[in-house]
């Protein structure tokens, strides 16, 4: 398991920030794909969005967001 100190160090790592931005972009793309989709497809997308939300939360995305976002 990752320690608090390791997690803090990641918040300043440019590669990590870029990775988390990609996760965020995937989440946003999945949300946009929900438009006019059949129910079973929406359920799959909703599951993907929830997984990506969990990753963003664990990765402390709200602390990483840059002022331009």
PDB file of N, CA and C in Angstrom:
ATOM      1  N   UNK A   1       0.838  -1.183   0.000  1.00  0.00           N
ATOM      2  CA  UNK A   1       0.000   0.000   0.000  1.00  0.00           C
ATOM      3  C   UNK A   1       0.883   1.246   0.000  1.00  0.00           C
ATOM      4  N   UNK A   2       0.434   2.255  -0.681  1.00  0.00           N
ATOM      5  CA  UNK A   2       1.196   3.492  -0.803  1.00  0.00           C
ATOM      6  C   UNK A   2       1.083   4.314   0.493  1.00  0.00           C
ATOM      7  N   UNK A   3       2.209   4.856   0.913  1.00  0.00           N
ATOM      8  CA  UNK A   3       2.217   5.655   2.146  1.00  0.00           C
ATOM      9  C   UNK A   3       1.776   7.084   1.845  1.00  0.00           C
ATOM     10  N   UNK A   4       1.436   7.802   2.885  1.00  0.00           N
ATOM     11  CA  UNK A   4       1.040   9.211   2.748  1.00  0.00           C
ATOM     12  C   UNK A   4       2.187  10.030   2.137  1.00  0.00           C
ATOM     13  N   UNK A   5       3.411   9.732   2.536  1.00  0.00           N
ATOM     14  CA  UNK A   5       4.577  10.461   2.018  1.00  0.00           C
ATOM     15  C   UNK A   5       4.773  10.201   0.524  1.00  0.00           C
ATOM     16  N   UNK A   6       4.580   8.946   0.112  1.00  0.00           N
ATOM     17  CA  UNK A   6       4.700   8.609  -1.304  1.00  0.00           C
ATOM     18  C   UNK A   6       3.613   9.305  -2.114  1.00  0.00           C
ATOM     19  N   UNK A   7       2.429   9.329  -1.561  1.00  0.00           N
ATOM     20  CA  UNK A   7       1.314   9.990  -2.231  1.00  0.00           C
ATOM     21  C   UNK A   7       1.581  11.485  -2.367  1.00  0.00           C
ATOM     22  N   UNK A   8       2.108  12.094  -1.328  1.00  0.00           N
ATOM     23  CA  UNK A   8       2.440  13.528  -1.382  1.00  0.00           C
ATOM     24  C   UNK A   8       3.486  13.804  -2.464  1.00  0.00           C
ATOM     25  N   UNK A   9       4.493  12.929  -2.559  1.00  0.00           N
ATOM     26  CA  UNK A   9       5.548  13.114  -3.558  1.00  0.00           C
ATOM     27  C   UNK A   9       4.988  13.042  -4.976  1.00  0.00           C
ATOM     28  N   UNK A  10       4.012  12.171  -5.196  1.00  0.00           N
ATOM     29  CA  UNK A  10       3.421  12.033  -6.532  1.00  0.00           C
ATOM     30  C   UNK A  10       2.713  13.303  -6.984  1.00  0.00           C
ATOM     31  N   UNK A  11       2.181  14.049  -6.049  1.00  0.00           N
ATOM     32  CA  UNK A  11       1.440  15.260  -6.402  1.00  0.00           C
ATOM     33  C   UNK A  11       2.309  16.296  -7.110  1.00  0.00           C
ATOM     34  N   UNK A  12       3.636  16.139  -7.027  1.00  0.00           N
ATOM     35  CA  UNK A  12       4.551  17.091  -7.660  1.00  0.00           C
ATOM     36  C   UNK A  12       5.305  16.475  -8.835  1.00  0.00           C
ATOM     37  N   UNK A  13       4.955  15.257  -9.221  1.00  0.00           N
ATOM     38  CA  UNK A  13       5.612  14.560 -10.314  1.00  0.00           C
ATOM     39  C   UNK A  13       4.860  14.828 -11.615  1.00  0.00           C
ATOM     40  N   UNK A  14       5.543  15.428 -12.581  1.00  0.00           N
ATOM     41  CA  UNK A  14       4.895  15.809 -13.843  1.00  0.00           C
ATOM     42  C   UNK A  14       4.340  14.603 -14.608  1.00  0.00           C
ATOM     43  N   UNK A  15       5.047  13.476 -14.589  1.00  0.00           N
ATOM     44  CA  UNK A  15       4.559  12.286 -15.281  1.00  0.00           C
ATOM     45  C   UNK A  15       3.265  11.787 -14.631  1.00  0.00           C
ATOM     46  N   UNK A  16       3.218  11.820 -13.319  1.00  0.00           N
ATOM     47  CA  UNK A  16       2.016  11.397 -12.600  1.00  0.00           C
ATOM     48  C   UNK A  16       0.851  12.330 -12.905  1.00  0.00           C
ATOM     49  N   UNK A  17       1.124  13.609 -12.916  1.00  0.00           N
ATOM     50  CA  UNK A  17       0.083  14.595 -13.220  1.00  0.00           C
ATOM     51  C   UNK A  17      -0.458  14.360 -14.630  1.00  0.00           C
ATOM     52  N   UNK A  18       0.436  14.097 -15.582  1.00  0.00           N
ATOM     53  CA  UNK A  18       0.009  13.806 -16.952  1.00  0.00           C
ATOM     54  C   UNK A  18      -0.844  12.551 -17.027  1.00  0.00           C
ATOM     55  N   UNK A  19      -0.465  11.521 -16.277  1.00  0.00           N
ATOM     56  CA  UNK A  19      -1.236  10.288 -16.230  1.00  0.00           C
ATOM     57  C   UNK A  19      -2.635  10.551 -15.682  1.00  0.00           C
ATOM     58  N   UNK A  20      -2.731  11.302 -14.606  1.00  0.00           N
ATOM     59  CA  UNK A  20      -4.023  11.596 -14.003  1.00  0.00           C
ATOM     60  C   UNK A  20      -4.877  12.457 -14.938  1.00  0.00           C
ATOM     61  N   UNK A  21      -4.254  13.336 -15.708  1.00  0.00           N
ATOM     62  CA  UNK A  21      -4.994  14.127 -16.695  1.00  0.00           C
ATOM     63  C   UNK A  21      -5.594  13.211 -17.761  1.00  0.00           C
ATOM     64  N   UNK A  22      -4.870  12.173 -18.156  1.00  0.00           N
ATOM     65  CA  UNK A  22      -5.399  11.219 -19.129  1.00  0.00           C
ATOM     66  C   UNK A  22      -6.585  10.461 -18.554  1.00  0.00           C
ATOM     67  N   UNK A  23      -6.506  10.069 -17.303  1.00  0.00           N
ATOM     68  CA  UNK A  23      -7.620   9.390 -16.637  1.00  0.00           C
ATOM     69  C   UNK A  23      -8.838  10.312 -16.624  1.00  0.00           C
ATOM     70  N   UNK A  24      -8.625  11.573 -16.299  1.00  0.00           N
ATOM     71  CA  UNK A  24      -9.717  12.552 -16.279  1.00  0.00           C
ATOM     72  C   UNK A  24     -10.329  12.710 -17.667  1.00  0.00           C
ATOM     73  N   UNK A  25      -9.488  12.785 -18.688  1.00  0.00           N
ATOM     74  CA  UNK A  25      -9.982  12.914 -20.060  1.00  0.00           C
ATOM     75  C   UNK A  25     -10.792  11.686 -20.484  1.00  0.00           C
ATOM     76  N   UNK A  26     -10.352  10.492 -20.076  1.00  0.00           N
ATOM     77  CA  UNK A  26     -11.108   9.273 -20.368  1.00  0.00           C
ATOM     78  C   UNK A  26     -12.483   9.318 -19.708  1.00  0.00           C
ATOM     79  N   UNK A  27     -12.525   9.805 -18.487  1.00  0.00           N
ATOM     80  CA  UNK A  27     -13.798   9.930 -17.772  1.00  0.00           C
ATOM     81  C   UNK A  27     -14.730  10.880 -18.513  1.00  0.00           C
ATOM     82  N   UNK A  28     -14.217  12.034 -18.903  1.00  0.00           N
ATOM     83  CA  UNK A  28     -15.032  13.018 -19.618  1.00  0.00           C
ATOM     84  C   UNK A  28     -15.513  12.463 -20.955  1.00  0.00           C
ATOM     85  N   UNK A  29     -14.664  11.734 -21.648  1.00  0.00           N
ATOM     86  CA  UNK A  29     -15.040  11.125 -22.917  1.00  0.00           C
ATOM     87  C   UNK A  29     -16.151  10.099 -22.723  1.00  0.00           C
ATOM     88  N   UNK A  30     -16.048   9.312 -21.663  1.00  0.00           N
ATOM     89  CA  UNK A  30     -17.083   8.317 -21.368  1.00  0.00           C
ATOM     90  C   UNK A  30     -18.421   8.985 -21.078  1.00  0.00           C
ATOM     91  N   UNK A  31     -18.394  10.099 -20.384  1.00  0.00           N
ATOM     92  CA  UNK A  31     -19.625  10.838 -20.096  1.00  0.00           C
ATOM     93  C   UNK A  31     -20.254  11.332 -21.395  1.00  0.00           C
ATOM     94  N   UNK A  32     -19.444  11.859 -22.297  1.00  0.00           N
ATOM     95  CA  UNK A  32     -19.955  12.361 -23.570  1.00  0.00           C
ATOM     96  C   UNK A  32     -20.533  11.247 -24.435  1.00  0.00           C
ATOM     97  N   UNK A  33     -20.018  10.028 -24.290  1.00  0.00           N
ATOM     98  CA  UNK A  33     -20.490   8.901 -25.090  1.00  0.00           C
ATOM     99  C   UNK A  33     -21.865   8.411 -24.662  1.00  0.00           C
ATOM    100  N   UNK A  34     -22.364   8.877 -23.542  1.00  0.00           N
ATOM    101  CA  UNK A  34     -23.652   8.399 -23.032  1.00  0.00           C
ATOM    102  C   UNK A  34     -24.846   8.946 -23.815  1.00  0.00           C
ATOM    103  N   UNK A  35     -24.622   9.958 -24.623  1.00  0.00           N
ATOM    104  CA  UNK A  35     -25.697  10.592 -25.372  1.00  0.00           C
ATOM    105  C   UNK A  35     -26.299   9.620 -26.388  1.00  0.00           C
ATOM    106  N   UNK A  36     -27.617   9.456 -26.329  1.00  0.00           N
ATOM    107  CA  UNK A  36     -28.373   8.619 -27.272  1.00  0.00           C
ATOM    108  C   UNK A  36     -27.849   7.188 -27.387  1.00  0.00           C
ATOM    109  N   UNK A  37     -27.512   6.586 -26.280  1.00  0.00           N
ATOM    110  CA  UNK A  37     -27.057   5.197 -26.266  1.00  0.00           C
ATOM    111  C   UNK A  37     -28.142   4.294 -25.705  1.00  0.00           C
ATOM    112  N   UNK A  38     -28.160   3.029 -26.125  1.00  0.00           N
ATOM    113  CA  UNK A  38     -29.117   2.074 -25.539  1.00  0.00           C
ATOM    114  C   UNK A  38     -28.772   1.813 -24.064  1.00  0.00           C
ATOM    115  N   UNK A  39     -29.757   1.325 -23.334  1.00  0.00           N
ATOM    116  CA  UNK A  39     -29.620   1.141 -21.892  1.00  0.00           C
ATOM    117  C   UNK A  39     -28.420   0.285 -21.513  1.00  0.00           C
ATOM    118  N   UNK A  40     -28.206  -0.831 -22.202  1.00  0.00           N
ATOM    119  CA  UNK A  40     -27.084  -1.705 -21.824  1.00  0.00           C
ATOM    120  C   UNK A  40     -25.738  -1.015 -22.032  1.00  0.00           C
ATOM    121  N   UNK A  41     -25.648  -0.194 -23.049  1.00  0.00           N
ATOM    122  CA  UNK A  41     -24.422   0.558 -23.304  1.00  0.00           C
ATOM    123  C   UNK A  41     -24.216   1.630 -22.233  1.00  0.00           C
ATOM    124  N   UNK A  42     -25.290   2.258 -21.808  1.00  0.00           N
ATOM    125  CA  UNK A  42     -25.205   3.277 -20.755  1.00  0.00           C
ATOM    126  C   UNK A  42     -24.726   2.638 -19.453  1.00  0.00           C
ATOM    127  N   UNK A  43     -25.213   1.442 -19.163  1.00  0.00           N
ATOM    128  CA  UNK A  43     -24.781   0.752 -17.940  1.00  0.00           C
ATOM    129  C   UNK A  43     -23.284   0.457 -17.980  1.00  0.00           C
ATOM    130  N   UNK A  44     -22.782   0.039 -19.114  1.00  0.00           N
ATOM    131  CA  UNK A  44     -21.349  -0.222 -19.257  1.00  0.00           C
ATOM    132  C   UNK A  44     -20.546   1.057 -19.091  1.00  0.00           C
ATOM    133  N   UNK A  45     -21.002   2.123 -19.726  1.00  0.00           N
ATOM    134  CA  UNK A  45     -20.306   3.402 -19.606  1.00  0.00           C
ATOM    135  C   UNK A  45     -20.350   3.921 -18.171  1.00  0.00           C
ATOM    136  N   UNK A  46     -21.482   3.751 -17.506  1.00  0.00           N
ATOM    137  CA  UNK A  46     -21.601   4.196 -16.115  1.00  0.00           C
ATOM    138  C   UNK A  46     -20.612   3.440 -15.226  1.00  0.00           C
ATOM    139  N   UNK A  47     -20.451   2.157 -15.464  1.00  0.00           N
ATOM    140  CA  UNK A  47     -19.471   1.374 -14.708  1.00  0.00           C
ATOM    141  C   UNK A  47     -18.063   1.868 -14.939  1.00  0.00           C
ATOM    142  N   UNK A  48     -17.743   2.165 -16.197  1.00  0.00           N
ATOM    143  CA  UNK A  48     -16.418   2.703 -16.526  1.00  0.00           C
ATOM    144  C   UNK A  48     -16.202   4.056 -15.841  1.00  0.00           C
ATOM    145  N   UNK A  49     -17.211   4.907 -15.870  1.00  0.00           N
ATOM    146  CA  UNK A  49     -17.102   6.229 -15.247  1.00  0.00           C
ATOM    147  C   UNK A  49     -16.868   6.094 -13.745  1.00  0.00           C
ATOM    148  N   UNK A  50     -17.585   5.173 -13.111  1.00  0.00           N
ATOM    149  CA  UNK A  50     -17.389   4.957 -11.669  1.00  0.00           C
ATOM    150  C   UNK A  50     -15.972   4.477 -11.362  1.00  0.00           C
ATOM    151  N   UNK A  51     -15.430   3.597 -12.195  1.00  0.00           N
ATOM    152  CA  UNK A  51     -14.055   3.139 -12.000  1.00  0.00           C
ATOM    153  C   UNK A  51     -13.067   4.293 -12.146  1.00  0.00           C
ATOM    154  N   UNK A  52     -13.269   5.094 -13.168  1.00  0.00           N
ATOM    155  CA  UNK A  52     -12.378   6.232 -13.382  1.00  0.00           C
ATOM    156  C   UNK A  52     -12.508   7.248 -12.250  1.00  0.00           C
ATOM    157  N   UNK A  53     -13.724   7.454 -11.747  1.00  0.00           N
ATOM    158  CA  UNK A  53     -13.921   8.336 -10.593  1.00  0.00           C
ATOM    159  C   UNK A  53     -13.151   7.833  -9.381  1.00  0.00           C
ATOM    160  N   UNK A  54     -13.181   6.517  -9.166  1.00  0.00           N
ATOM    161  CA  UNK A  54     -12.443   5.935  -8.038  1.00  0.00           C
ATOM    162  C   UNK A  54     -10.946   6.188  -8.177  1.00  0.00           C
ATOM    163  N   UNK A  55     -10.418   6.012  -9.387  1.00  0.00           N
ATOM    164  CA  UNK A  55      -8.997   6.254  -9.621  1.00  0.00           C
ATOM    165  C   UNK A  55      -8.667   7.720  -9.370  1.00  0.00           C
ATOM    166  N   UNK A  56      -9.507   8.616  -9.868  1.00  0.00           N
ATOM    167  CA  UNK A  56      -9.270  10.046  -9.663  1.00  0.00           C
ATOM    168  C   UNK A  56      -9.301  10.416  -8.183  1.00  0.00           C
ATOM    169  N   UNK A  57     -10.214   9.817  -7.461  1.00  0.00           N
ATOM    170  CA  UNK A  57     -10.304  10.098  -6.030  1.00  0.00           C
ATOM    171  C   UNK A  57      -9.072   9.568  -5.292  1.00  0.00           C
ATOM    172  N   UNK A  58      -8.684   8.330  -5.579  1.00  0.00           N
ATOM    173  CA  UNK A  58      -7.495   7.759  -4.944  1.00  0.00           C
ATOM    174  C   UNK A  58      -6.236   8.540  -5.311  1.00  0.00           C
ATOM    175  N   UNK A  59      -6.204   9.047  -6.538  1.00  0.00           N
ATOM    176  CA  UNK A  59      -5.051   9.805  -7.014  1.00  0.00           C
ATOM    177  C   UNK A  59      -5.060  11.254  -6.596  1.00  0.00           C
ATOM    178  N   UNK A  60      -6.076  11.649  -5.838  1.00  0.00           N
ATOM    179  CA  UNK A  60      -6.208  13.018  -5.313  1.00  0.00           C
ATOM    180  C   UNK A  60      -6.268  14.056  -6.442  1.00  0.00           C
ATOM    181  N   UNK A  61      -7.099  13.764  -7.429  1.00  0.00           N
ATOM    182  CA  UNK A  61      -7.242  14.623  -8.601  1.00  0.00           C
ATOM    183  C   UNK A  61      -7.597  16.062  -8.236  1.00  0.00           C
ATOM    184  N   UNK A  62      -8.469  16.243  -7.261  1.00  0.00           N
ATOM    185  CA  UNK A  62      -8.880  17.604  -6.907  1.00  0.00           C
ATOM    186  C   UNK A  62      -7.701  18.445  -6.434  1.00  0.00           C
ATOM    187  N   UNK A  63      -6.693  17.793  -5.870  1.00  0.00           N
ATOM    188  CA  UNK A  63      -5.497  18.516  -5.444  1.00  0.00           C
ATOM    189  C   UNK A  63      -4.536  18.755  -6.600  1.00  0.00           C
ATOM    190  N   UNK A  64      -4.657  17.970  -7.661  1.00  0.00           N
ATOM    191  CA  UNK A  64      -3.769  18.086  -8.815  1.00  0.00           C
ATOM    192  C   UNK A  64      -4.249  19.091  -9.851  1.00  0.00           C
ATOM    193  N   UNK A  65      -5.570  19.333  -9.881  1.00  0.00           N
ATOM    194  CA  UNK A  65      -6.117  20.186 -10.931  1.00  0.00           C
ATOM    195  C   UNK A  65      -5.369  21.511 -10.990  1.00  0.00           C
ATOM    196  N   UNK A  66      -5.076  21.875 -12.187  1.00  0.00           N
ATOM    197  CA  UNK A  66      -4.367  23.134 -12.406  1.00  0.00           C
ATOM    198  C   UNK A  66      -5.387  24.273 -12.534  1.00  0.00           C
ATOM    199  N   UNK A  67      -4.987  25.485 -12.268  1.00  0.00           N
ATOM    200  CA  UNK A  67      -5.924  26.617 -12.359  1.00  0.00           C
ATOM    201  C   UNK A  67      -6.571  26.781 -13.719  1.00  0.00           C
ATOM    202  N   UNK A  68      -5.944  26.298 -14.799  1.00  0.00           N
ATOM    203  CA  UNK A  68      -6.498  26.467 -16.138  1.00  0.00           C
ATOM    204  C   UNK A  68      -7.611  25.484 -16.426  1.00  0.00           C
ATOM    205  N   UNK A  69      -7.826  24.485 -15.548  1.00  0.00           N
ATOM    206  CA  UNK A  69      -8.867  23.477 -15.801  1.00  0.00           C
ATOM    207  C   UNK A  69     -10.141  23.836 -15.110  1.00  0.00           C
TER     208      UNK A  69
END
